[in-house]
Amino acid sequence: MSRFEDCKHIIKVKSNTVGAAKSRQSGWQQIADSVNACNPGGSKRTWEQTKIKYKNIIQSANKKKKDQRRTGGGPPPAEFTPAEELALSNNEGRPLMVGVEGRFSTDPGGSSSHHLYIQGGPR
């Protein structure tokens, strides 16, 4: 996860060009190489597997964060793993899509069962 911070400027490029895609792939490959170097006897991850693993960690951390904001009874929310804490800190300041479940879009053309809006982001 700390290697992600080193390559963040490459991976988070806001461009849709072939060159940007290749540089993002190169960044993920650097991260995968670093992960594989930590586990010399184990299975090797490809850059695609590394990227998916990172996205899964972010998704899990965001779900736990959402669960912590809930009110009411029930069991206490799960604690963040060290990887999830680091992923959340790397993701701070990014826009967050928020939805209201059970509500319908006011757009007559929309058939969504969620009302979505963007919250936060860089300033």
Foldseek 3Di string as FASTA:
>chain_A
DVLCVVLVVLQVDPDDDPVSVVSNLVSLQVVQVVVCVVPVPDDGDHSVRSVVVLVVLQVVLVVLVVVCPDDDDDDHGDDRDPSSVVSVVVCPQAKDKDWDAQPFDPPPPDPDRIDIDIDGHHD
